[in-house]
Amino acid sequence: MTPEELAASKAAANLKRRLRMLWSGDSTIEEIADELAMAPAEIDALAVSMGLGERPEVDLYEPDEKTIRAACAKIRAGWTPDERESRLVGPPRGRLE
């Protein structure tokens, strides 16, 4: 086996290993395709050739913006003044000279 063939074989094995891991996770086909730099149709075809079967159903909790803002406010309410000051991001307040 030439060095090029060996490198190609290793790359194919790594690709299949990564697909197998991502396939069982909660990523969408589009996210998997982006991760592996392939088209979604190529991902589907490779999964079929590898016998990966159907993807597991994933029930994800996706909070709405109002819920996220309320949770953030609750966390910030527990900050000390020093902690709040250390977390402020942006230019200092006041006039720049």
PDB file of N, CA and C in Angstrom:
ATOM      1  N   MET A   1       0.855  -1.177   0.000  1.00  0.00           N
ATOM      2  CA  MET A   1       0.000   0.000   0.000  1.00  0.00           C
ATOM      3  C   MET A   1       0.897   1.235   0.000  1.00  0.00           C
ATOM      4  N   THR A   2       0.621   2.149  -0.905  1.00  0.00           N
ATOM      5  CA  THR A   2       1.428   3.373  -1.004  1.00  0.00           C
ATOM      6  C   THR A   2       1.076   4.315   0.147  1.00  0.00           C
ATOM      7  N   PRO A   3       1.937   5.271   0.445  1.00  0.00           N
ATOM      8  CA  PRO A   3       1.625   6.244   1.504  1.00  0.00           C
ATOM      9  C   PRO A   3       0.329   7.011   1.239  1.00  0.00           C
ATOM     10  N   GLU A   4       0.058   7.286  -0.029  1.00  0.00           N
ATOM     11  CA  GLU A   4      -1.179   8.008  -0.372  1.00  0.00           C
ATOM     12  C   GLU A   4      -2.408   7.140  -0.093  1.00  0.00           C
ATOM     13  N   GLU A   5      -2.316   5.868  -0.463  1.00  0.00           N
ATOM     14  CA  GLU A   5      -3.426   4.941  -0.214  1.00  0.00           C
ATOM     15  C   GLU A   5      -3.636   4.753   1.286  1.00  0.00           C
ATOM     16  N   LEU A   6      -2.554   4.667   2.034  1.00  0.00           N
ATOM     17  CA  LEU A   6      -2.651   4.519   3.480  1.00  0.00           C
ATOM     18  C   LEU A   6      -3.305   5.742   4.106  1.00  0.00           C
ATOM     19  N   ALA A   7      -2.911   6.931   3.658  1.00  0.00           N
ATOM     20  CA  ALA A   7      -3.506   8.175   4.169  1.00  0.00           C
ATOM     21  C   ALA A   7      -4.987   8.239   3.835  1.00  0.00           C
ATOM     22  N   ALA A   8      -5.357   7.847   2.626  1.00  0.00           N
ATOM     23  CA  ALA A   8      -6.764   7.859   2.219  1.00  0.00           C
ATOM     24  C   ALA A   8      -7.567   6.862   3.044  1.00  0.00           C
ATOM     25  N   SER A   9      -6.993   5.708   3.311  1.00  0.00           N
ATOM     26  CA  SER A   9      -7.666   4.692   4.115  1.00  0.00           C
ATOM     27  C   SER A   9      -7.892   5.186   5.537  1.00  0.00           C
ATOM     28  N   LYS A  10      -6.881   5.832   6.116  1.00  0.00           N
ATOM     29  CA  LYS A  10      -7.024   6.382   7.470  1.00  0.00           C
ATOM     30  C   LYS A  10      -8.077   7.481   7.506  1.00  0.00           C
ATOM     31  N   ALA A  11      -8.082   8.338   6.477  1.00  0.00           N
ATOM     32  CA  ALA A  11      -9.064   9.426   6.416  1.00  0.00           C
ATOM     33  C   ALA A  11     -10.481   8.871   6.320  1.00  0.00           C
ATOM     34  N   ALA A  12     -10.666   7.830   5.515  1.00  0.00           N
ATOM     35  CA  ALA A  12     -11.993   7.214   5.381  1.00  0.00           C
ATOM     36  C   ALA A  12     -12.427   6.574   6.694  1.00  0.00           C
ATOM     37  N   ALA A  13     -11.496   5.913   7.371  1.00  0.00           N
ATOM     38  CA  ALA A  13     -11.825   5.291   8.656  1.00  0.00           C
ATOM     39  C   ALA A  13     -12.190   6.341   9.695  1.00  0.00           C
ATOM     40  N   ASN A  14     -11.452   7.447   9.718  1.00  0.00           N
ATOM     41  CA  ASN A  14     -11.755   8.527  10.666  1.00  0.00           C
ATOM     42  C   ASN A  14     -13.101   9.166  10.372  1.00  0.00           C
ATOM     43  N   LEU A  15     -13.407   9.337   9.086  1.00  0.00           N
ATOM     44  CA  LEU A  15     -14.694   9.896   8.683  1.00  0.00           C
ATOM     45  C   LEU A  15     -15.833   8.998   9.149  1.00  0.00           C
ATOM     46  N   LYS A  16     -15.706   7.707   8.941  1.00  0.00           N
ATOM     47  CA  LYS A  16     -16.754   6.766   9.358  1.00  0.00           C
ATOM     48  C   LYS A  16     -16.892   6.735  10.870  1.00  0.00           C
ATOM     49  N   ARG A  17     -15.786   6.791  11.574  1.00  0.00           N
ATOM     50  CA  ARG A  17     -15.827   6.795  13.040  1.00  0.00           C
ATOM     51  C   ARG A  17     -16.549   8.045  13.548  1.00  0.00           C
ATOM     52  N   ARG A  18     -16.230   9.194  12.942  1.00  0.00           N
ATOM     53  CA  ARG A  18     -16.866  10.452  13.352  1.00  0.00           C
ATOM     54  C   ARG A  18     -18.359  10.436  13.018  1.00  0.00           C
ATOM     55  N   LEU A  19     -18.727   9.919  11.848  1.00  0.00           N
ATOM     56  CA  LEU A  19     -20.139   9.831  11.472  1.00  0.00           C
ATOM     57  C   LEU A  19     -20.891   8.929  12.436  1.00  0.00           C
ATOM     58  N   ARG A  20     -20.316   7.800  12.782  1.00  0.00           N
ATOM     59  CA  ARG A  20     -20.966   6.874  13.706  1.00  0.00           C
ATOM     60  C   ARG A  20     -21.258   7.567  15.041  1.00  0.00           C
ATOM     61  N   MET A  21     -20.300   8.359  15.534  1.00  0.00           N
ATOM     62  CA  MET A  21     -20.476   9.066  16.795  1.00  0.00           C
ATOM     63  C   MET A  21     -21.556  10.149  16.677  1.00  0.00           C
ATOM     64  N   LEU A  22     -21.493  10.948  15.614  1.00  0.00           N
ATOM     65  CA  LEU A  22     -22.467  12.022  15.430  1.00  0.00           C
ATOM     66  C   LEU A  22     -23.866  11.479  15.157  1.00  0.00           C
ATOM     67  N   TRP A  23     -23.949  10.344  14.480  1.00  0.00           N
ATOM     68  CA  TRP A  23     -25.235   9.758  14.112  1.00  0.00           C
ATOM     69  C   TRP A  23     -26.070   9.434  15.355  1.00  0.00           C
ATOM     70  N   SER A  24     -25.405   9.011  16.417  1.00  0.00           N
ATOM     71  CA  SER A  24     -26.139   8.628  17.623  1.00  0.00           C
ATOM     72  C   SER A  24     -26.409   9.817  18.536  1.00  0.00           C
ATOM     73  N   GLY A  25     -25.896  10.998  18.184  1.00  0.00           N
ATOM     74  CA  GLY A  25     -26.096  12.186  19.001  1.00  0.00           C
ATOM     75  C   GLY A  25     -27.352  12.941  18.633  1.00  0.00           C
ATOM     76  N   ASP A  26     -27.426  14.183  19.073  1.00  0.00           N
ATOM     77  CA  ASP A  26     -28.628  14.986  18.837  1.00  0.00           C
ATOM     78  C   ASP A  26     -28.456  16.019  17.720  1.00  0.00           C
ATOM     79  N   SER A  27     -27.391  15.915  16.939  1.00  0.00           N
ATOM     80  CA  SER A  27     -27.181  16.836  15.817  1.00  0.00           C
ATOM     81  C   SER A  27     -28.138  16.513  14.677  1.00  0.00           C
ATOM     82  N   THR A  28     -28.514  17.549  13.940  1.00  0.00           N
ATOM     83  CA  THR A  28     -29.336  17.339  12.747  1.00  0.00           C
ATOM     84  C   THR A  28     -28.441  16.848  11.615  1.00  0.00           C
ATOM     85  N   ILE A  29     -29.064  16.334  10.557  1.00  0.00           N
ATOM     86  CA  ILE A  29     -28.300  15.886   9.386  1.00  0.00           C
ATOM     87  C   ILE A  29     -27.508  17.063   8.809  1.00  0.00           C
ATOM     88  N   GLU A  30     -28.108  18.243   8.798  1.00  0.00           N
ATOM     89  CA  GLU A  30     -27.424  19.420   8.273  1.00  0.00           C
ATOM     90  C   GLU A  30     -26.204  19.759   9.124  1.00  0.00           C
ATOM     91  N   GLU A  31     -26.330  19.667  10.453  1.00  0.00           N
ATOM     92  CA  GLU A  31     -25.194  19.935  11.331  1.00  0.00           C
ATOM     93  C   GLU A  31     -24.086  18.900  11.134  1.00  0.00           C
ATOM     94  N   ILE A  32     -24.473  17.644  10.974  1.00  0.00           N
ATOM     95  CA  ILE A  32     -23.488  16.590  10.716  1.00  0.00           C
ATOM     96  C   ILE A  32     -22.778  16.850   9.395  1.00  0.00           C
ATOM     97  N   ALA A  33     -23.545  17.238   8.380  1.00  0.00           N
ATOM     98  CA  ALA A  33     -22.965  17.527   7.068  1.00  0.00           C
ATOM     99  C   ALA A  33     -21.963  18.678   7.169  1.00  0.00           C
ATOM    100  N   ASP A  34     -22.305  19.718   7.902  1.00  0.00           N
ATOM    101  CA  ASP A  34     -21.376  20.835   8.098  1.00  0.00           C
ATOM    102  C   ASP A  34     -20.114  20.372   8.817  1.00  0.00           C
ATOM    103  N   GLU A  35     -20.296  19.584   9.866  1.00  0.00           N
ATOM    104  CA  GLU A  35     -19.161  19.082  10.654  1.00  0.00           C
ATOM    105  C   GLU A  35     -18.204  18.251   9.809  1.00  0.00           C
ATOM    106  N   LEU A  36     -18.752  17.451   8.910  1.00  0.00           N
ATOM    107  CA  LEU A  36     -17.933  16.551   8.103  1.00  0.00           C
ATOM    108  C   LEU A  36     -17.609  17.115   6.719  1.00  0.00           C
ATOM    109  N   ALA A  37     -18.050  18.352   6.462  1.00  0.00           N
ATOM    110  CA  ALA A  37     -17.814  19.020   5.174  1.00  0.00           C
ATOM    111  C   ALA A  37     -18.331  18.172   4.009  1.00  0.00           C
ATOM    112  N   MET A  38     -19.560  17.710   4.153  1.00  0.00           N
ATOM    113  CA  MET A  38     -20.212  16.905   3.124  1.00  0.00           C
ATOM    114  C   MET A  38     -21.621  17.440   2.905  1.00  0.00           C
ATOM    115  N   ALA A  39     -22.235  17.026   1.823  1.00  0.00           N
ATOM    116  CA  ALA A  39     -23.625  17.373   1.557  1.00  0.00           C
ATOM    117  C   ALA A  39     -24.529  16.438   2.363  1.00  0.00           C
ATOM    118  N   PRO A  40     -25.709  16.911   2.775  1.00  0.00           N
ATOM    119  CA  PRO A  40     -26.627  16.037   3.511  1.00  0.00           C
ATOM    120  C   PRO A  40     -26.939  14.731   2.775  1.00  0.00           C
ATOM    121  N   ALA A  41     -27.067  14.792   1.453  1.00  0.00           N
ATOM    122  CA  ALA A  41     -27.343  13.571   0.680  1.00  0.00           C
ATOM    123  C   ALA A  41     -26.177  12.587   0.782  1.00  0.00           C
ATOM    124  N   GLU A  42     -24.951  13.110   0.809  1.00  0.00           N
ATOM    125  CA  GLU A  42     -23.785  12.245   0.958  1.00  0.00           C
ATOM    126  C   GLU A  42     -23.762  11.584   2.336  1.00  0.00           C
ATOM    127  N   ILE A  43     -24.176  12.330   3.339  1.00  0.00           N
ATOM    128  CA  ILE A  43     -24.254  11.782   4.705  1.00  0.00           C
ATOM    129  C   ILE A  43     -25.249  10.640   4.733  1.00  0.00           C
ATOM    130  N   ASP A  44     -26.425  10.860   4.156  1.00  0.00           N
ATOM    131  CA  ASP A  44     -27.447   9.811   4.124  1.00  0.00           C
ATOM    132  C   ASP A  44     -26.935   8.569   3.400  1.00  0.00           C
ATOM    133  N   ALA A  45     -26.300   8.768   2.262  1.00  0.00           N
ATOM    134  CA  ALA A  45     -25.792   7.632   1.480  1.00  0.00           C
ATOM    135  C   ALA A  45     -24.714   6.875   2.255  1.00  0.00           C
ATOM    136  N   LEU A  46     -23.817   7.583   2.903  1.00  0.00           N
ATOM    137  CA  LEU A  46     -22.760   6.937   3.674  1.00  0.00           C
ATOM    138  C   LEU A  46     -23.351   6.186   4.869  1.00  0.00           C
ATOM    139  N   ALA A  47     -24.346   6.782   5.521  1.00  0.00           N
ATOM    140  CA  ALA A  47     -24.989   6.124   6.665  1.00  0.00           C
ATOM    141  C   ALA A  47     -25.666   4.824   6.233  1.00  0.00           C
ATOM    142  N   VAL A  48     -26.313   4.832   5.076  1.00  0.00           N
ATOM    143  CA  VAL A  48     -26.951   3.622   4.555  1.00  0.00           C
ATOM    144  C   VAL A  48     -25.894   2.565   4.246  1.00  0.00           C
ATOM    145  N   SER A  49     -24.787   2.991   3.610  1.00  0.00           N
ATOM    146  CA  SER A  49     -23.740   2.025   3.259  1.00  0.00           C
ATOM    147  C   SER A  49     -23.073   1.445   4.505  1.00  0.00           C
ATOM    148  N   MET A  50     -23.089   2.203   5.600  1.00  0.00           N
ATOM    149  CA  MET A  50     -22.501   1.724   6.852  1.00  0.00           C
ATOM    150  C   MET A  50     -23.507   0.951   7.697  1.00  0.00           C
ATOM    151  N   GLY A  51     -24.775   0.945   7.268  1.00  0.00           N
ATOM    152  CA  GLY A  51     -25.808   0.235   8.018  1.00  0.00           C
ATOM    153  C   GLY A  51     -26.134   0.878   9.356  1.00  0.00           C
ATOM    154  N   LEU A  52     -26.124   2.212   9.408  1.00  0.00           N
ATOM    155  CA  LEU A  52     -26.369   2.897  10.677  1.00  0.00           C
ATOM    156  C   LEU A  52     -27.833   2.892  11.092  1.00  0.00           C
ATOM    157  N   GLY A  53     -28.731   2.640  10.178  1.00  0.00           N
ATOM    158  CA  GLY A  53     -30.155   2.569  10.528  1.00  0.00           C
ATOM    159  C   GLY A  53     -30.767   3.933  10.791  1.00  0.00           C
ATOM    160  N   GLU A  54     -31.942   3.892  11.407  1.00  0.00           N
ATOM    161  CA  GLU A  54     -32.671   5.135  11.684  1.00  0.00           C
ATOM    162  C   GLU A  54     -32.006   5.895  12.829  1.00  0.00           C
ATOM    163  N   ARG A  55     -32.124   7.206  12.788  1.00  0.00           N
ATOM    164  CA  ARG A  55     -31.581   8.028  13.860  1.00  0.00           C
ATOM    165  C   ARG A  55     -32.528   7.988  15.045  1.00  0.00           C
ATOM    166  N   PRO A  56     -31.998   8.020  16.253  1.00  0.00           N
ATOM    167  CA  PRO A  56     -32.862   8.009  17.433  1.00  0.00           C
ATOM    168  C   PRO A  56     -33.653   9.310  17.541  1.00  0.00           C
ATOM    169  N   GLU A  57     -34.857   9.210  18.080  1.00  0.00           N
ATOM    170  CA  GLU A  57     -35.667  10.404  18.312  1.00  0.00           C
ATOM    171  C   GLU A  57     -35.048  11.177  19.474  1.00  0.00           C
ATOM    172  N   VAL A  58     -34.908  12.475  19.292  1.00  0.00           N
ATOM    173  CA  VAL A  58     -34.336  13.310  20.343  1.00  0.00           C
ATOM    174  C   VAL A  58     -35.363  14.362  20.709  1.00  0.00           C
ATOM    175  N   ASP A  59     -35.680  14.419  21.982  1.00  0.00           N
ATOM    176  CA  ASP A  59     -36.633  15.408  22.477  1.00  0.00           C
ATOM    177  C   ASP A  59     -35.843  16.493  23.192  1.00  0.00           C
ATOM    178  N   LEU A  60     -35.619  17.606  22.502  1.00  0.00           N
ATOM    179  CA  LEU A  60     -34.823  18.683  23.062  1.00  0.00           C
ATOM    180  C   LEU A  60     -35.706  19.755  23.669  1.00  0.00           C
ATOM    181  N   TYR A  61     -35.257  20.302  24.779  1.00  0.00           N
ATOM    182  CA  TYR A  61     -35.934  21.437  25.395  1.00  0.00           C
ATOM    183  C   TYR A  61     -35.307  22.704  24.842  1.00  0.00           C
ATOM    184  N   GLU A  62     -36.094  23.517  24.185  1.00  0.00           N
ATOM    185  CA  GLU A  62     -35.612  24.776  23.643  1.00  0.00           C
ATOM    186  C   GLU A  62     -36.441  25.909  24.236  1.00  0.00           C
ATOM    187  N   PRO A  63     -35.896  26.595  25.247  1.00  0.00           N
ATOM    188  CA  PRO A  63     -36.655  27.671  25.878  1.00  0.00           C
ATOM    189  C   PRO A  63     -36.828  28.858  24.941  1.00  0.00           C
ATOM    190  N   ASP A  64     -37.909  29.598  25.145  1.00  0.00           N
ATOM    191  CA  ASP A  64     -38.116  30.789  24.326  1.00  0.00           C
ATOM    192  C   ASP A  64     -37.309  31.952  24.921  1.00  0.00           C
ATOM    193  N   GLU A  65     -37.273  33.051  24.211  1.00  0.00           N
ATOM    194  CA  GLU A  65     -36.454  34.192  24.635  1.00  0.00           C
ATOM    195  C   GLU A  65     -36.892  34.737  25.992  1.00  0.00           C
ATOM    196  N   LYS A  66     -38.188  34.771  26.243  1.00  0.00           N
ATOM    197  CA  LYS A  66     -38.707  35.292  27.515  1.00  0.00           C
ATOM    198  C   LYS A  66     -38.205  34.436  28.684  1.00  0.00           C
ATOM    199  N   THR A  67     -38.209  33.124  28.533  1.00  0.00           N
ATOM    200  CA  THR A  67     -37.745  32.216  29.575  1.00  0.00           C
ATOM    201  C   THR A  67     -36.248  32.388  29.824  1.00  0.00           C
ATOM    202  N   ILE A  68     -35.488  32.558  28.752  1.00  0.00           N
ATOM    203  CA  ILE A  68     -34.042  32.761  28.888  1.00  0.00           C
ATOM    204  C   ILE A  68     -33.756  34.064  29.615  1.00  0.00           C
ATOM    205  N   ARG A  69     -34.458  35.132  29.231  1.00  0.00           N
ATOM    206  CA  ARG A  69     -34.245  36.431  29.884  1.00  0.00           C
ATOM    207  C   ARG A  69     -34.603  36.370  31.370  1.00  0.00           C
ATOM    208  N   ALA A  70     -35.672  35.671  31.706  1.00  0.00           N
ATOM    209  CA  ALA A  70     -36.071  35.544  33.114  1.00  0.00           C
ATOM    210  C   ALA A  70     -35.020  34.769  33.910  1.00  0.00           C
ATOM    211  N   ALA A  71     -34.488  33.700  33.336  1.00  0.00           N
ATOM    212  CA  ALA A  71     -33.464  32.915  34.021  1.00  0.00           C
ATOM    213  C   ALA A  71     -32.192  33.739  34.209  1.00  0.00           C
ATOM    214  N   CYS A  72     -31.813  34.513  33.202  1.00  0.00           N
ATOM    215  CA  CYS A  72     -30.625  35.367  33.308  1.00  0.00           C
ATOM    216  C   CYS A  72     -30.813  36.428  34.394  1.00  0.00           C
ATOM    217  N   ALA A  73     -31.994  37.034  34.439  1.00  0.00           N
ATOM    218  CA  ALA A  73     -32.277  38.052  35.460  1.00  0.00           C
ATOM    219  C   ALA A  73     -32.201  37.446  36.860  1.00  0.00           C
ATOM    220  N   LYS A  74     -32.702  36.230  37.011  1.00  0.00           N
ATOM    221  CA  LYS A  74     -32.658  35.555  38.313  1.00  0.00           C
ATOM    222  C   LYS A  74     -31.201  35.308  38.733  1.00  0.00           C
ATOM    223  N   ILE A  75     -30.363  34.916  37.800  1.00  0.00           N
ATOM    224  CA  ILE A  75     -28.945  34.695  38.103  1.00  0.00           C
ATOM    225  C   ILE A  75     -28.264  36.009  38.460  1.00  0.00           C
ATOM    226  N   ARG A  76     -28.522  37.052  37.652  1.00  0.00           N
ATOM    227  CA  ARG A  76     -27.897  38.355  37.919  1.00  0.00           C
ATOM    228  C   ARG A  76     -28.341  38.940  39.253  1.00  0.00           C
ATOM    229  N   ALA A  77     -29.548  38.635  39.694  1.00  0.00           N
ATOM    230  CA  ALA A  77     -30.045  39.161  40.967  1.00  0.00           C
ATOM    231  C   ALA A  77     -29.203  38.658  42.146  1.00  0.00           C
ATOM    232  N   GLY A  78     -28.545  37.519  41.978  1.00  0.00           N
ATOM    233  CA  GLY A  78     -27.712  36.972  43.048  1.00  0.00           C
ATOM    234  C   GLY A  78     -26.277  37.469  43.033  1.00  0.00           C
ATOM    235  N   TRP A  79     -25.913  38.295  42.064  1.00  0.00           N
ATOM    236  CA  TRP A  79     -24.550  38.800  41.977  1.00  0.00           C
ATOM    237  C   TRP A  79     -24.288  39.863  43.035  1.00  0.00           C
ATOM    238  N   THR A  80     -23.076  39.872  43.560  1.00  0.00           N
ATOM    239  CA  THR A  80     -22.652  40.955  44.445  1.00  0.00           C
ATOM    240  C   THR A  80     -22.295  42.148  43.565  1.00  0.00           C
ATOM    241  N   PRO A  81     -22.215  43.364  44.155  1.00  0.00           N
ATOM    242  CA  PRO A  81     -21.813  44.522  43.345  1.00  0.00           C
ATOM    243  C   PRO A  81     -20.444  44.329  42.678  1.00  0.00           C
ATOM    244  N   ASP A  82     -19.502  43.702  43.393  1.00  0.00           N
ATOM    245  CA  ASP A  82     -18.174  43.462  42.797  1.00  0.00           C
ATOM    246  C   ASP A  82     -18.260  42.500  41.617  1.00  0.00           C
ATOM    247  N   GLU A  83     -19.080  41.456  41.773  1.00  0.00           N
ATOM    248  CA  GLU A  83     -19.222  40.493  40.683  1.00  0.00           C
ATOM    249  C   GLU A  83     -19.874  41.151  39.478  1.00  0.00           C
ATOM    250  N   ARG A  84     -20.894  41.962  39.732  1.00  0.00           N
ATOM    251  CA  ARG A  84     -21.560  42.665  38.633  1.00  0.00           C
ATOM    252  C   ARG A  84     -20.575  43.558  37.896  1.00  0.00           C
ATOM    253  N   GLU A  85     -19.768  44.290  38.642  1.00  0.00           N
ATOM    254  CA  GLU A  85     -18.784  45.180  38.035  1.00  0.00           C
ATOM    255  C   GLU A  85     -17.771  44.401  37.196  1.00  0.00           C
ATOM    256  N   SER A  86     -17.355  43.229  37.692  1.00  0.00           N
ATOM    257  CA  SER A  86     -16.367  42.436  36.968  1.00  0.00           C
ATOM    258  C   SER A  86     -16.936  41.833  35.686  1.00  0.00           C
ATOM    259  N   ARG A  87     -18.256  41.703  35.608  1.00  0.00           N
ATOM    260  CA  ARG A  87     -18.884  41.087  34.438  1.00  0.00           C
ATOM    261  C   ARG A  87     -19.329  42.091  33.386  1.00  0.00           C
ATOM    262  N   LEU A  88     -19.283  43.376  33.707  1.00  0.00           N
ATOM    263  CA  LEU A  88     -19.675  44.394  32.737  1.00  0.00           C
ATOM    264  C   LEU A  88     -18.704  44.395  31.574  1.00  0.00           C
ATOM    265  N   VAL A  89     -19.251  44.463  30.382  1.00  0.00           N
ATOM    266  CA  VAL A  89     -18.438  44.446  29.171  1.00  0.00           C
ATOM    267  C   VAL A  89     -18.757  45.691  28.371  1.00  0.00           C
ATOM    268  N   GLY A  90     -17.747  46.298  27.853  1.00  0.00           N
ATOM    269  CA  GLY A  90     -17.957  47.468  27.024  1.00  0.00           C
ATOM    270  C   GLY A  90     -17.090  48.609  27.489  1.00  0.00           C
ATOM    271  N   PRO A  91     -17.157  49.728  26.799  1.00  0.00           N
ATOM    272  CA  PRO A  91     -16.325  50.862  27.177  1.00  0.00           C
ATOM    273  C   PRO A  91     -16.772  51.437  28.510  1.00  0.00           C
ATOM    274  N   PRO A  92     -15.856  52.053  29.246  1.00  0.00           N
ATOM    275  CA  PRO A  92     -16.252  52.659  30.515  1.00  0.00           C
ATOM    276  C   PRO A  92     -17.258  53.770  30.277  1.00  0.00           C
ATOM    277  N   ARG A  93     -18.085  54.005  31.252  1.00  0.00           N
ATOM    278  CA  ARG A  93     -19.097  55.052  31.122  1.00  0.00           C
ATOM    279  C   ARG A  93     -18.447  56.407  31.352  1.00  0.00           C
ATOM    280  N   GLY A  94     -19.026  57.428  30.798  1.00  0.00           N
ATOM    281  CA  GLY A  94     -18.505  58.765  30.981  1.00  0.00           C
ATOM    282  C   GLY A  94     -17.916  59.302  29.683  1.00  0.00           C
ATOM    283  N   ARG A  95     -17.371  60.491  29.801  1.00  0.00           N
ATOM    284  CA  ARG A  95     -16.811  61.126  28.609  1.00  0.00           C
ATOM    285  C   ARG A  95     -15.392  60.661  28.361  1.00  0.00           C
ATOM    286  N   LEU A  96     -15.102  60.470  27.118  1.00  0.00           N
ATOM    287  CA  LEU A  96     -13.743  60.139  26.723  1.00  0.00           C
ATOM    288  C   LEU A  96     -13.005  61.419  26.401  1.00  0.00           C
ATOM    289  N   GLU A  97     -11.799  61.553  26.850  1.00  0.00           N
ATOM    290  CA  GLU A  97     -11.035  62.773  26.590  1.00  0.00           C
ATOM    291  C   GLU A  97      -9.843  62.487  25.752  1.00  0.00           C
TER     292      GLU A  97
END
